[in-house]
């Protein structure tokens, strides 16, 4: 690392306190369960279990009798629990933004903290308006904004870490940076397509649903190919970029699990392929409508998709942080000069 970067005032101030990173880690730890509990709310169609917002049956959100929802109906338990967890995430996001302004001298990460606060407020309003208007389009937007906020939490966690501060620049590795970025973008687009499939209108034409499913499956194949290439190339450059190997391997494992969960989701939700029902041992697992098996399988599929996005983004951020673009430009310039002189 260059002396200018190592001794910059912003990074010196950062090293004085680890609280921004601790808060970012706590925020990331709370946001992931918020994602999959929100998915469980959608899967079990519990989004309208509480018809008012921001109150809960007329009570203040935090003063609603705990016996009523904790020991009450399942849909009330997960919907009100989702709201309480979302409130905790919102408060923690504000605390992180304050810590960044007080303890981190980097202007750009302070703005990232502001974006996070705006994002969590916007996501809360989207969820509330979805309840008040009982609107499926708002539910889609809410489902797409959740993973985007989760990705922002991942970025804050990575960029406030000591690893980010102490990372040593190395030459770029043949387009690996662009590959990681495209993989992260594809993983988010895949989540958006999945949200369209999950929130398809009841009166939608069958061909619209089929088109969304085909797009979802096609992009899954593209993403699988990207992850495979990314893992192979990262392992190939493991001596140059050892910090990328573990996230890349984890991404490969998650992608493998996700393919299995996708196939299982198709079986328990849509009963396809139909011939499975003819097998005695498998008949009970096909089209398990409104069952706990279906709810957990679909929710695990959505949650794993968010984890794929998170790990892909960690890999992209690390890769771009490690890339020594100045040295790469110098090497390219020298090669060009040698070509001219010879």
C-alpha atoms as a PDB file:
ATOM      1  CA  UNK A   1       0.000   0.000   0.000  1.00  0.00           C
ATOM      2  CA  UNK A   2       1.260   3.426  -0.822  1.00  0.00           C
ATOM      3  CA  UNK A   3       2.307   5.660   2.100  1.00  0.00           C
ATOM      4  CA  UNK A   4      -0.239   8.282   1.075  1.00  0.00           C
ATOM      5  CA  UNK A   5      -3.100   5.828   1.495  1.00  0.00           C
ATOM      6  CA  UNK A   6      -1.725   4.221   4.637  1.00  0.00           C
ATOM      7  CA  UNK A   7      -1.340   7.513   6.508  1.00  0.00           C
ATOM      8  CA  UNK A   8      -4.290   9.470   5.188  1.00  0.00           C
ATOM      9  CA  UNK A   9      -6.265  11.370   7.886  1.00  0.00           C
ATOM     10  CA  UNK A  10      -9.443   9.497   7.019  1.00  0.00           C
ATOM     11  CA  UNK A  11      -7.916   6.084   7.612  1.00  0.00           C
ATOM     12  CA  UNK A  12      -6.038   7.233  10.710  1.00  0.00           C
ATOM     13  CA  UNK A  13      -9.322   8.391  12.204  1.00  0.00           C
ATOM     14  CA  UNK A  14     -10.932   5.115  11.183  1.00  0.00           C
ATOM     15  CA  UNK A  15      -8.336   3.082  13.061  1.00  0.00           C
ATOM     16  CA  UNK A  16      -9.184   4.864  16.335  1.00  0.00           C
ATOM     17  CA  UNK A  17     -12.549   3.146  16.706  1.00  0.00           C
ATOM     18  CA  UNK A  18     -13.986  -0.167  15.614  1.00  0.00           C
ATOM     19  CA  UNK A  19     -17.570   0.834  16.436  1.00  0.00           C
ATOM     20  CA  UNK A  20     -18.648   1.559  12.850  1.00  0.00           C
ATOM     21  CA  UNK A  21     -17.622  -1.936  11.787  1.00  0.00           C
ATOM     22  CA  UNK A  22     -19.234  -3.517  14.840  1.00  0.00           C
ATOM     23  CA  UNK A  23     -22.487  -1.710  14.149  1.00  0.00           C
ATOM     24  CA  UNK A  24     -22.268  -2.654  10.472  1.00  0.00           C
ATOM     25  CA  UNK A  25     -21.783  -6.308  11.453  1.00  0.00           C
ATOM     26  CA  UNK A  26     -24.773  -6.149  13.817  1.00  0.00           C
ATOM     27  CA  UNK A  27     -26.864  -4.515  11.095  1.00  0.00           C
ATOM     28  CA  UNK A  28     -25.889  -7.214   8.624  1.00  0.00           C
ATOM     29  CA  UNK A  29     -26.699  -9.896  11.193  1.00  0.00           C
ATOM     30  CA  UNK A  30     -30.200  -8.483  11.755  1.00  0.00           C
ATOM     31  CA  UNK A  31     -30.978  -7.745   8.114  1.00  0.00           C
ATOM     32  CA  UNK A  32     -30.505 -11.305   6.899  1.00  0.00           C
ATOM     33  CA  UNK A  33     -33.197 -12.793   9.189  1.00  0.00           C
ATOM     34  CA  UNK A  34     -35.394  -9.838   8.270  1.00  0.00           C
ATOM     35  CA  UNK A  35     -35.043 -10.930   4.618  1.00  0.00           C
ATOM     36  CA  UNK A  36     -36.028 -14.543   5.171  1.00  0.00           C
ATOM     37  CA  UNK A  37     -38.792 -13.752   7.665  1.00  0.00           C
ATOM     38  CA  UNK A  38     -40.188 -11.346   5.075  1.00  0.00           C
ATOM     39  CA  UNK A  39     -40.019 -14.179   2.561  1.00  0.00           C
ATOM     40  CA  UNK A  40     -41.863 -16.417   5.018  1.00  0.00           C
ATOM     41  CA  UNK A  41     -44.563 -13.746   5.352  1.00  0.00           C
ATOM     42  CA  UNK A  42     -45.016 -13.797   1.566  1.00  0.00           C
ATOM     43  CA  UNK A  43     -44.893 -17.585   1.291  1.00  0.00           C
ATOM     44  CA  UNK A  44     -47.552 -18.097   3.971  1.00  0.00           C
ATOM     45  CA  UNK A  45     -49.604 -15.132   2.692  1.00  0.00           C
ATOM     46  CA  UNK A  46     -49.455 -13.496   6.117  1.00  0.00           C
ATOM     47  CA  UNK A  47     -48.844  -9.962   4.820  1.00  0.00           C
ATOM     48  CA  UNK A  48     -52.352  -8.832   5.751  1.00  0.00           C
ATOM     49  CA  UNK A  49     -52.434 -10.498   9.177  1.00  0.00           C
ATOM     50  CA  UNK A  50     -52.247  -6.975  10.649  1.00  0.00           C
ATOM     51  CA  UNK A  51     -54.525  -4.644   8.645  1.00  0.00           C
ATOM     52  CA  UNK A  52     -53.253  -1.313   9.985  1.00  0.00           C
ATOM     53  CA  UNK A  53     -49.897   0.483   9.918  1.00  0.00           C
ATOM     54  CA  UNK A  54     -47.783   1.825  11.610  1.00  0.00           C
ATOM     55  CA  UNK A  55     -49.930   0.636  14.526  1.00  0.00           C
ATOM     56  CA  UNK A  56     -50.842  -2.970  15.243  1.00  0.00           C
ATOM     57  CA  UNK A  57     -54.601  -3.330  15.779  1.00  0.00           C
ATOM     58  CA  UNK A  58     -54.656   0.191  17.160  1.00  0.00           C
ATOM     59  CA  UNK A  59     -51.750  -0.354  19.550  1.00  0.00           C
ATOM     60  CA  UNK A  60     -48.377   1.302  19.291  1.00  0.00           C
ATOM     61  CA  UNK A  61     -46.097  -1.133  17.463  1.00  0.00           C
ATOM     62  CA  UNK A  62     -43.863  -1.607  20.507  1.00  0.00           C
ATOM     63  CA  UNK A  63     -46.717  -1.762  23.046  1.00  0.00           C
ATOM     64  CA  UNK A  64     -48.828  -4.445  21.403  1.00  0.00           C
ATOM     65  CA  UNK A  65     -49.479  -7.155  24.068  1.00  0.00           C
ATOM     66  CA  UNK A  66     -46.762  -9.723  23.577  1.00  0.00           C
ATOM     67  CA  UNK A  67     -48.983 -12.599  24.735  1.00  0.00           C
ATOM     68  CA  UNK A  68     -51.396 -11.855  21.889  1.00  0.00           C
ATOM     69  CA  UNK A  69     -48.873 -12.155  19.075  1.00  0.00           C
ATOM     70  CA  UNK A  70     -46.250 -14.465  20.581  1.00  0.00           C
ATOM     71  CA  UNK A  71     -48.804 -17.147  21.448  1.00  0.00           C
ATOM     72  CA  UNK A  72     -51.345 -16.130  18.838  1.00  0.00           C
ATOM     73  CA  UNK A  73     -51.968 -17.301  15.257  1.00  0.00           C
ATOM     74  CA  UNK A  74     -48.945 -18.161  13.122  1.00  0.00           C
ATOM     75  CA  UNK A  75     -49.554 -15.422  10.531  1.00  0.00           C
ATOM     76  CA  UNK A  76     -49.839 -12.768  13.261  1.00  0.00           C
ATOM     77  CA  UNK A  77     -46.660 -14.052  14.904  1.00  0.00           C
ATOM     78  CA  UNK A  78     -44.503 -13.738  11.802  1.00  0.00           C
ATOM     79  CA  UNK A  79     -46.054 -10.500  10.481  1.00  0.00           C
ATOM     80  CA  UNK A  80     -45.762  -8.584  13.755  1.00  0.00           C
ATOM     81  CA  UNK A  81     -42.357 -10.154  14.396  1.00  0.00           C
ATOM     82  CA  UNK A  82     -41.285  -8.966  10.947  1.00  0.00           C
ATOM     83  CA  UNK A  83     -42.358  -5.424  11.849  1.00  0.00           C
ATOM     84  CA  UNK A  84     -40.501  -5.463  15.158  1.00  0.00           C
ATOM     85  CA  UNK A  85     -37.326  -6.767  13.534  1.00  0.00           C
ATOM     86  CA  UNK A  86     -37.627  -4.161  10.779  1.00  0.00           C
ATOM     87  CA  UNK A  87     -37.886  -1.443  13.430  1.00  0.00           C
ATOM     88  CA  UNK A  88     -34.725  -2.749  15.115  1.00  0.00           C
ATOM     89  CA  UNK A  89     -32.934  -2.720  11.749  1.00  0.00           C
ATOM     90  CA  UNK A  90     -34.067   0.867  11.172  1.00  0.00           C
ATOM     91  CA  UNK A  91     -32.799   2.059  14.547  1.00  0.00           C
ATOM     92  CA  UNK A  92     -29.493   0.255  14.076  1.00  0.00           C
ATOM     93  CA  UNK A  93     -29.090   1.817  10.622  1.00  0.00           C
ATOM     94  CA  UNK A  94     -29.495   5.281  12.123  1.00  0.00           C
ATOM     95  CA  UNK A  95     -26.969   4.425  14.851  1.00  0.00           C
ATOM     96  CA  UNK A  96     -24.493   3.265  12.195  1.00  0.00           C
ATOM     97  CA  UNK A  97     -24.936   6.466  10.186  1.00  0.00           C
ATOM     98  CA  UNK A  98     -24.265   8.549  13.321  1.00  0.00           C
ATOM     99  CA  UNK A  99     -21.172   6.472  14.109  1.00  0.00           C
ATOM    100  CA  UNK A 100     -19.856   6.945  10.583  1.00  0.00           C
ATOM    101  CA  UNK A 101     -20.213  10.724  10.882  1.00  0.00           C
ATOM    102  CA  UNK A 102     -18.540  10.809  14.282  1.00  0.00           C
ATOM    103  CA  UNK A 103     -15.833   8.187  13.878  1.00  0.00           C
ATOM    104  CA  UNK A 104     -15.050   7.784  10.181  1.00  0.00           C
ATOM    105  CA  UNK A 105     -13.318  10.552   8.242  1.00  0.00           C
ATOM    106  CA  UNK A 106     -14.171   9.239   4.773  1.00  0.00           C
ATOM    107  CA  UNK A 107     -16.782  11.456   3.139  1.00  0.00           C
ATOM    108  CA  UNK A 108     -18.003   8.820   0.692  1.00  0.00           C
ATOM    109  CA  UNK A 109     -18.795   6.271   3.401  1.00  0.00           C
ATOM    110  CA  UNK A 110     -20.682   8.900   5.361  1.00  0.00           C
ATOM    111  CA  UNK A 111     -22.872   9.414   2.315  1.00  0.00           C
ATOM    112  CA  UNK A 112     -23.256   5.645   2.096  1.00  0.00           C
ATOM    113  CA  UNK A 113     -24.585   5.709   5.653  1.00  0.00           C
ATOM    114  CA  UNK A 114     -27.106   8.394   4.668  1.00  0.00           C
ATOM    115  CA  UNK A 115     -28.199   6.296   1.698  1.00  0.00           C
ATOM    116  CA  UNK A 116     -28.732   3.379   4.090  1.00  0.00           C
ATOM    117  CA  UNK A 117     -30.960   5.479   6.355  1.00  0.00           C
ATOM    118  CA  UNK A 118     -33.000   6.712   3.394  1.00  0.00           C
ATOM    119  CA  UNK A 119     -33.215   3.151   2.097  1.00  0.00           C
ATOM    120  CA  UNK A 120     -34.442   1.602   5.332  1.00  0.00           C
ATOM    121  CA  UNK A 121     -37.043   4.341   5.782  1.00  0.00           C
ATOM    122  CA  UNK A 122     -38.205   3.914   2.202  1.00  0.00           C
ATOM    123  CA  UNK A 123     -38.432   0.150   2.632  1.00  0.00           C
ATOM    124  CA  UNK A 124     -40.510   0.598   5.769  1.00  0.00           C
ATOM    125  CA  UNK A 125     -42.886   2.977   4.019  1.00  0.00           C
ATOM    126  CA  UNK A 126     -43.197   0.546   1.096  1.00  0.00           C
ATOM    127  CA  UNK A 127     -44.115  -2.248   3.497  1.00  0.00           C
ATOM    128  CA  UNK A 128     -46.650  -0.049   5.268  1.00  0.00           C
ATOM    129  CA  UNK A 129     -48.284   1.160   2.064  1.00  0.00           C
ATOM    130  CA  UNK A 130     -48.454  -2.416   0.824  1.00  0.00           C
ATOM    131  CA  UNK A 131     -50.574  -3.211   3.913  1.00  0.00           C
ATOM    132  CA  UNK A 132     -52.759  -0.101   3.777  1.00  0.00           C
ATOM    133  CA  UNK A 133     -53.469  -0.430   0.057  1.00  0.00           C
ATOM    134  CA  UNK A 134     -53.244  -4.233  -0.105  1.00  0.00           C
ATOM    135  CA  UNK A 135     -51.407  -3.777  -3.391  1.00  0.00           C
ATOM    136  CA  UNK A 136     -49.471  -6.574  -5.100  1.00  0.00           C
ATOM    137  CA  UNK A 137     -47.262  -4.171  -7.088  1.00  0.00           C
ATOM    138  CA  UNK A 138     -46.048  -2.581  -3.865  1.00  0.00           C
ATOM    139  CA  UNK A 139     -45.362  -6.071  -2.535  1.00  0.00           C
ATOM    140  CA  UNK A 140     -43.135  -6.697  -5.570  1.00  0.00           C
ATOM    141  CA  UNK A 141     -41.252  -3.443  -5.002  1.00  0.00           C
ATOM    142  CA  UNK A 142     -40.909  -4.285  -1.321  1.00  0.00           C
ATOM    143  CA  UNK A 143     -39.519  -7.709  -2.223  1.00  0.00           C
ATOM    144  CA  UNK A 144     -36.984  -6.189  -4.640  1.00  0.00           C
ATOM    145  CA  UNK A 145     -35.857  -3.385  -2.328  1.00  0.00           C
ATOM    146  CA  UNK A 146     -35.108  -5.774   0.550  1.00  0.00           C
ATOM    147  CA  UNK A 147     -32.154  -7.541  -1.117  1.00  0.00           C
ATOM    148  CA  UNK A 148     -30.868  -4.182  -2.393  1.00  0.00           C
ATOM    149  CA  UNK A 149     -30.743  -2.855   1.180  1.00  0.00           C
ATOM    150  CA  UNK A 150     -29.111  -6.110   2.289  1.00  0.00           C
ATOM    151  CA  UNK A 151     -26.427  -5.580  -0.361  1.00  0.00           C
ATOM    152  CA  UNK A 152     -25.870  -2.052   0.954  1.00  0.00           C
ATOM    153  CA  UNK A 153     -25.389  -3.474   4.458  1.00  0.00           C
ATOM    154  CA  UNK A 154     -22.814  -5.897   3.048  1.00  0.00           C
ATOM    155  CA  UNK A 155     -20.949  -2.996   1.413  1.00  0.00           C
ATOM    156  CA  UNK A 156     -20.896  -1.050   4.691  1.00  0.00           C
ATOM    157  CA  UNK A 157     -19.610  -4.093   6.549  1.00  0.00           C
ATOM    158  CA  UNK A 158     -16.807  -4.696   4.054  1.00  0.00           C
ATOM    159  CA  UNK A 159     -15.770  -1.045   3.729  1.00  0.00           C
ATOM    160  CA  UNK A 160     -15.581  -0.445   7.495  1.00  0.00           C
ATOM    161  CA  UNK A 161     -13.423  -3.502   8.147  1.00  0.00           C
ATOM    162  CA  UNK A 162      -9.746  -3.455   9.043  1.00  0.00           C
ATOM    163  CA  UNK A 163      -9.175  -5.683   6.016  1.00  0.00           C
ATOM    164  CA  UNK A 164     -10.349  -2.844   3.776  1.00  0.00           C
ATOM    165  CA  UNK A 165      -7.954  -0.437   5.487  1.00  0.00           C
ATOM    166  CA  UNK A 166      -4.936  -2.727   5.339  1.00  0.00           C
ATOM    167  CA  UNK A 167      -5.525  -4.320   1.937  1.00  0.00           C
ATOM    168  CA  UNK A 168      -2.387  -4.422  -0.206  1.00  0.00           C
ATOM    169  CA  UNK A 169      -2.875  -3.538  -3.848  1.00  0.00           C
ATOM    170  CA  UNK A 170      -1.869  -6.037  -6.485  1.00  0.00           C
ATOM    171  CA  UNK A 171      -1.949  -6.044 -10.305  1.00  0.00           C
ATOM    172  CA  UNK A 172      -5.353  -6.712 -11.841  1.00  0.00           C
ATOM    173  CA  UNK A 173      -6.036 -10.321 -12.771  1.00  0.00           C
ATOM    174  CA  UNK A 174      -7.243 -10.402 -16.338  1.00  0.00           C
ATOM    175  CA  UNK A 175     -10.749  -9.024 -16.045  1.00  0.00           C
ATOM    176  CA  UNK A 176     -11.592 -10.751 -12.760  1.00  0.00           C
ATOM    177  CA  UNK A 177     -12.872  -7.448 -11.374  1.00  0.00           C
ATOM    178  CA  UNK A 178     -15.477  -7.074 -14.109  1.00  0.00           C
ATOM    179  CA  UNK A 179     -16.477 -10.728 -13.786  1.00  0.00           C
ATOM    180  CA  UNK A 180     -17.163 -10.371 -10.063  1.00  0.00           C
ATOM    181  CA  UNK A 181     -19.189  -7.208 -10.617  1.00  0.00           C
ATOM    182  CA  UNK A 182     -21.300  -8.778 -13.370  1.00  0.00           C
ATOM    183  CA  UNK A 183     -21.907 -11.843 -11.195  1.00  0.00           C
ATOM    184  CA  UNK A 184     -23.181  -9.659  -8.341  1.00  0.00           C
ATOM    185  CA  UNK A 185     -25.465  -7.734 -10.710  1.00  0.00           C
ATOM    186  CA  UNK A 186     -26.821 -10.958 -12.219  1.00  0.00           C
ATOM    187  CA  UNK A 187     -27.545 -12.366  -8.767  1.00  0.00           C
ATOM    188  CA  UNK A 188     -29.638  -9.290  -7.928  1.00  0.00           C
ATOM    189  CA  UNK A 189     -31.522  -9.397 -11.235  1.00  0.00           C
ATOM    190  CA  UNK A 190     -32.275 -13.046 -10.520  1.00  0.00           C
ATOM    191  CA  UNK A 191     -33.792 -12.061  -7.173  1.00  0.00           C
ATOM    192  CA  UNK A 192     -35.931  -9.441  -8.920  1.00  0.00           C
ATOM    193  CA  UNK A 193     -37.202 -12.040 -11.399  1.00  0.00           C
ATOM    194  CA  UNK A 194     -37.917 -14.404  -8.531  1.00  0.00           C
ATOM    195  CA  UNK A 195     -39.990 -11.695  -6.842  1.00  0.00           C
ATOM    196  CA  UNK A 196     -42.049 -11.305 -10.023  1.00  0.00           C
ATOM    197  CA  UNK A 197     -42.751 -15.043 -10.059  1.00  0.00           C
ATOM    198  CA  UNK A 198     -43.700 -15.102  -6.366  1.00  0.00           C
ATOM    199  CA  UNK A 199     -45.970 -12.068  -6.593  1.00  0.00           C
ATOM    200  CA  UNK A 200     -47.627 -12.921  -9.897  1.00  0.00           C
ATOM    201  CA  UNK A 201     -51.155 -11.489 -10.094  1.00  0.00           C
ATOM    202  CA  UNK A 202     -53.938 -14.003  -9.537  1.00  0.00           C
ATOM    203  CA  UNK A 203     -55.557 -13.012 -12.805  1.00  0.00           C
ATOM    204  CA  UNK A 204     -52.350 -13.059 -14.866  1.00  0.00           C
ATOM    205  CA  UNK A 205     -52.418 -14.989 -18.122  1.00  0.00           C
ATOM    206  CA  UNK A 206     -50.627 -18.362 -18.080  1.00  0.00           C
ATOM    207  CA  UNK A 207     -48.229 -17.240 -20.816  1.00  0.00           C
ATOM    208  CA  UNK A 208     -47.051 -14.327 -18.656  1.00  0.00           C
ATOM    209  CA  UNK A 209     -46.246 -16.703 -15.798  1.00  0.00           C
ATOM    210  CA  UNK A 210     -44.516 -19.101 -18.184  1.00  0.00           C
ATOM    211  CA  UNK A 211     -42.414 -16.267 -19.622  1.00  0.00           C
ATOM    212  CA  UNK A 212     -41.290 -15.170 -16.147  1.00  0.00           C
ATOM    213  CA  UNK A 213     -40.424 -18.737 -15.193  1.00  0.00           C
ATOM    214  CA  UNK A 214     -38.429 -19.288 -18.395  1.00  0.00           C
ATOM    215  CA  UNK A 215     -36.523 -16.026 -17.814  1.00  0.00           C
ATOM    216  CA  UNK A 216     -35.858 -17.027 -14.212  1.00  0.00           C
ATOM    217  CA  UNK A 217     -34.539 -20.444 -15.239  1.00  0.00           C
ATOM    218  CA  UNK A 218     -32.467 -19.055 -18.126  1.00  0.00           C
ATOM    219  CA  UNK A 219     -30.821 -16.464 -15.896  1.00  0.00           C
ATOM    220  CA  UNK A 220     -30.162 -19.183 -13.313  1.00  0.00           C
ATOM    221  CA  UNK A 221     -28.139 -21.061 -15.924  1.00  0.00           C
ATOM    222  CA  UNK A 222     -26.250 -17.902 -16.869  1.00  0.00           C
ATOM    223  CA  UNK A 223     -25.525 -17.141 -13.208  1.00  0.00           C
ATOM    224  CA  UNK A 224     -24.394 -20.725 -12.615  1.00  0.00           C
ATOM    225  CA  UNK A 225     -21.989 -20.441 -15.544  1.00  0.00           C
ATOM    226  CA  UNK A 226     -20.659 -17.103 -14.250  1.00  0.00           C
ATOM    227  CA  UNK A 227     -20.099 -18.486 -10.758  1.00  0.00           C
ATOM    228  CA  UNK A 228     -18.353 -21.564 -12.152  1.00  0.00           C
ATOM    229  CA  UNK A 229     -15.985 -19.465 -14.257  1.00  0.00           C
ATOM    230  CA  UNK A 230     -15.432 -17.100 -11.336  1.00  0.00           C
ATOM    231  CA  UNK A 231     -14.508 -19.916  -8.960  1.00  0.00           C
ATOM    232  CA  UNK A 232     -12.119 -21.495 -11.484  1.00  0.00           C
ATOM    233  CA  UNK A 233     -10.384 -18.201 -12.261  1.00  0.00           C
ATOM    234  CA  UNK A 234     -10.146 -17.208  -8.601  1.00  0.00           C
ATOM    235  CA  UNK A 235      -8.541 -20.532  -7.693  1.00  0.00           C
ATOM    236  CA  UNK A 236      -6.198 -20.065 -10.652  1.00  0.00           C
ATOM    237  CA  UNK A 237      -5.098 -16.679  -9.232  1.00  0.00           C
ATOM    238  CA  UNK A 238      -5.064 -17.854  -5.602  1.00  0.00           C
ATOM    239  CA  UNK A 239      -1.393 -16.933  -5.133  1.00  0.00           C
ATOM    240  CA  UNK A 240      -1.929 -13.397  -6.384  1.00  0.00           C
ATOM    241  CA  UNK A 241      -5.274 -12.824  -4.625  1.00  0.00           C
ATOM    242  CA  UNK A 242      -5.557 -15.225  -1.635  1.00  0.00           C
ATOM    243  CA  UNK A 243      -8.251 -13.041   0.006  1.00  0.00           C
ATOM    244  CA  UNK A 244     -10.654 -13.942  -2.809  1.00  0.00           C
ATOM    245  CA  UNK A 245     -10.446 -17.720  -2.561  1.00  0.00           C
ATOM    246  CA  UNK A 246     -12.720 -18.335   0.437  1.00  0.00           C
ATOM    247  CA  UNK A 247     -15.563 -16.079  -0.748  1.00  0.00           C
ATOM    248  CA  UNK A 248     -15.353 -17.628  -4.200  1.00  0.00           C
ATOM    249  CA  UNK A 249     -15.506 -21.172  -2.822  1.00  0.00           C
ATOM    250  CA  UNK A 250     -18.402 -20.219  -0.566  1.00  0.00           C
ATOM    251  CA  UNK A 251     -20.189 -18.713  -3.559  1.00  0.00           C
ATOM    252  CA  UNK A 252     -19.762 -21.969  -5.450  1.00  0.00           C
ATOM    253  CA  UNK A 253     -21.204 -23.967  -2.538  1.00  0.00           C
ATOM    254  CA  UNK A 254     -24.170 -21.611  -2.165  1.00  0.00           C
ATOM    255  CA  UNK A 255     -24.895 -21.779  -5.888  1.00  0.00           C
ATOM    256  CA  UNK A 256     -24.924 -25.573  -5.749  1.00  0.00           C
ATOM    257  CA  UNK A 257     -27.304 -25.527  -2.784  1.00  0.00           C
ATOM    258  CA  UNK A 258     -29.487 -22.972  -4.551  1.00  0.00           C
ATOM    259  CA  UNK A 259     -29.896 -25.178  -7.615  1.00  0.00           C
ATOM    260  CA  UNK A 260     -31.088 -28.007  -5.369  1.00  0.00           C
ATOM    261  CA  UNK A 261     -33.476 -25.707  -3.501  1.00  0.00           C
ATOM    262  CA  UNK A 262     -34.822 -24.382  -6.802  1.00  0.00           C
ATOM    263  CA  UNK A 263     -35.621 -27.899  -7.980  1.00  0.00           C
ATOM    264  CA  UNK A 264     -37.207 -28.732  -4.614  1.00  0.00           C
ATOM    265  CA  UNK A 265     -39.290 -25.539  -4.746  1.00  0.00           C
ATOM    266  CA  UNK A 266     -40.591 -26.486  -8.163  1.00  0.00           C
ATOM    267  CA  UNK A 267     -41.623 -29.921  -6.870  1.00  0.00           C
ATOM    268  CA  UNK A 268     -43.367 -28.889  -3.637  1.00  0.00           C
ATOM    269  CA  UNK A 269     -45.031 -25.786  -5.090  1.00  0.00           C
ATOM    270  CA  UNK A 270     -45.988 -26.839  -8.621  1.00  0.00           C
ATOM    271  CA  UNK A 271     -45.771 -30.632  -8.567  1.00  0.00           C
ATOM    272  CA  UNK A 272     -43.492 -30.795 -11.585  1.00  0.00           C
ATOM    273  CA  UNK A 273     -42.394 -33.176 -12.994  1.00  0.00           C
ATOM    274  CA  UNK A 274     -45.830 -34.814 -12.790  1.00  0.00           C
ATOM    275  CA  UNK A 275     -44.455 -38.372 -12.855  1.00  0.00           C
ATOM    276  CA  UNK A 276     -43.039 -37.902  -9.353  1.00  0.00           C
ATOM    277  CA  UNK A 277     -46.561 -38.286  -7.960  1.00  0.00           C
ATOM    278  CA  UNK A 278     -46.617 -41.848  -9.349  1.00  0.00           C
ATOM    279  CA  UNK A 279     -43.777 -42.836  -7.042  1.00  0.00           C
ATOM    280  CA  UNK A 280     -45.094 -43.842  -3.638  1.00  0.00           C
ATOM    281  CA  UNK A 281     -42.245 -42.359  -1.609  1.00  0.00           C
ATOM    282  CA  UNK A 282     -42.382 -39.014  -3.489  1.00  0.00           C
ATOM    283  CA  UNK A 283     -46.148 -38.517  -3.734  1.00  0.00           C
ATOM    284  CA  UNK A 284     -46.351 -36.805  -0.369  1.00  0.00           C
ATOM    285  CA  UNK A 285     -43.774 -34.194  -1.391  1.00  0.00           C
ATOM    286  CA  UNK A 286     -45.455 -32.937  -4.570  1.00  0.00           C
ATOM    287  CA  UNK A 287     -47.675 -29.855  -4.457  1.00  0.00           C
ATOM    288  CA  UNK A 288     -47.574 -29.677  -0.679  1.00  0.00           C
ATOM    289  CA  UNK A 289     -49.850 -26.623  -0.785  1.00  0.00           C
ATOM    290  CA  UNK A 290     -49.678 -24.361   2.286  1.00  0.00           C
ATOM    291  CA  UNK A 291     -47.600 -26.951   4.130  1.00  0.00           C
ATOM    292  CA  UNK A 292     -44.656 -26.228   6.379  1.00  0.00           C
ATOM    293  CA  UNK A 293     -42.463 -28.159   3.940  1.00  0.00           C
ATOM    294  CA  UNK A 294     -43.410 -25.834   1.097  1.00  0.00           C
ATOM    295  CA  UNK A 295     -43.021 -22.716   3.237  1.00  0.00           C
ATOM    296  CA  UNK A 296     -39.569 -23.695   4.473  1.00  0.00           C
ATOM    297  CA  UNK A 297     -38.331 -24.842   1.062  1.00  0.00           C
ATOM    298  CA  UNK A 298     -39.449 -21.685  -0.744  1.00  0.00           C
ATOM    299  CA  UNK A 299     -38.166 -19.458   2.068  1.00  0.00           C
ATOM    300  CA  UNK A 300     -34.777 -21.229   2.051  1.00  0.00           C
ATOM    301  CA  UNK A 301     -34.598 -20.702  -1.723  1.00  0.00           C
ATOM    302  CA  UNK A 302     -35.186 -16.945  -1.351  1.00  0.00           C
ATOM    303  CA  UNK A 303     -32.819 -16.649   1.616  1.00  0.00           C
ATOM    304  CA  UNK A 304     -30.035 -18.492  -0.199  1.00  0.00           C
ATOM    305  CA  UNK A 305     -30.513 -16.158  -3.167  1.00  0.00           C
ATOM    306  CA  UNK A 306     -29.857 -13.215  -0.866  1.00  0.00           C
ATOM    307  CA  UNK A 307     -26.760 -14.948   0.513  1.00  0.00           C
ATOM    308  CA  UNK A 308     -25.479 -15.475  -3.028  1.00  0.00           C
ATOM    309  CA  UNK A 309     -25.909 -11.748  -3.665  1.00  0.00           C
ATOM    310  CA  UNK A 310     -24.085 -10.932  -0.411  1.00  0.00           C
ATOM    311  CA  UNK A 311     -21.099 -13.214  -1.056  1.00  0.00           C
ATOM    312  CA  UNK A 312     -20.856 -12.129  -4.714  1.00  0.00           C
ATOM    313  CA  UNK A 313     -20.763  -8.508  -3.581  1.00  0.00           C
ATOM    314  CA  UNK A 314     -18.103  -9.233  -0.947  1.00  0.00           C
ATOM    315  CA  UNK A 315     -16.031 -10.877  -3.653  1.00  0.00           C
ATOM    316  CA  UNK A 316     -16.526  -7.951  -6.042  1.00  0.00           C
ATOM    317  CA  UNK A 317     -15.664  -5.322  -3.424  1.00  0.00           C
ATOM    318  CA  UNK A 318     -12.554  -7.184  -2.325  1.00  0.00           C
ATOM    319  CA  UNK A 319     -11.449  -7.729  -5.897  1.00  0.00           C
ATOM    320  CA  UNK A 320     -11.849  -4.067  -6.839  1.00  0.00           C
ATOM    321  CA  UNK A 321     -10.176  -2.949  -3.621  1.00  0.00           C
ATOM    322  CA  UNK A 322      -7.146  -5.140  -4.300  1.00  0.00           C
ATOM    323  CA  UNK A 323      -6.794  -4.115  -7.944  1.00  0.00           C
ATOM    324  CA  UNK A 324      -3.795  -1.855  -8.496  1.00  0.00           C
ATOM    325  CA  UNK A 325      -5.093   0.095 -11.473  1.00  0.00           C
ATOM    326  CA  UNK A 326      -2.139   2.473 -11.496  1.00  0.00           C
ATOM    327  CA  UNK A 327       0.355  -0.362 -11.778  1.00  0.00           C
ATOM    328  CA  UNK A 328      -1.774  -2.043 -14.435  1.00  0.00           C
ATOM    329  CA  UNK A 329      -1.807   1.168 -16.486  1.00  0.00           C
ATOM    330  CA  UNK A 330       1.958   1.481 -16.135  1.00  0.00           C
ATOM    331  CA  UNK A 331       2.470  -2.110 -17.313  1.00  0.00           C
ATOM    332  CA  UNK A 332       0.142  -1.540 -20.265  1.00  0.00           C
ATOM    333  CA  UNK A 333       1.944   1.701 -21.121  1.00  0.00           C
ATOM    334  CA  UNK A 334       5.332  -0.010 -20.986  1.00  0.00           C
ATOM    335  CA  UNK A 335       4.097  -2.799 -23.232  1.00  0.00           C
ATOM    336  CA  UNK A 336       2.767  -0.260 -25.720  1.00  0.00           C
ATOM    337  CA  UNK A 337       6.050   1.673 -25.634  1.00  0.00           C
ATOM    338  CA  UNK A 338       8.046  -1.500 -26.180  1.00  0.00           C
ATOM    339  CA  UNK A 339       5.825  -2.378 -29.108  1.00  0.00           C
ATOM    340  CA  UNK A 340       6.401   1.031 -30.641  1.00  0.00           C
ATOM    341  CA  UNK A 341      10.164   0.991 -30.134  1.00  0.00           C
ATOM    342  CA  UNK A 342      10.585  -2.480 -31.539  1.00  0.00           C
END
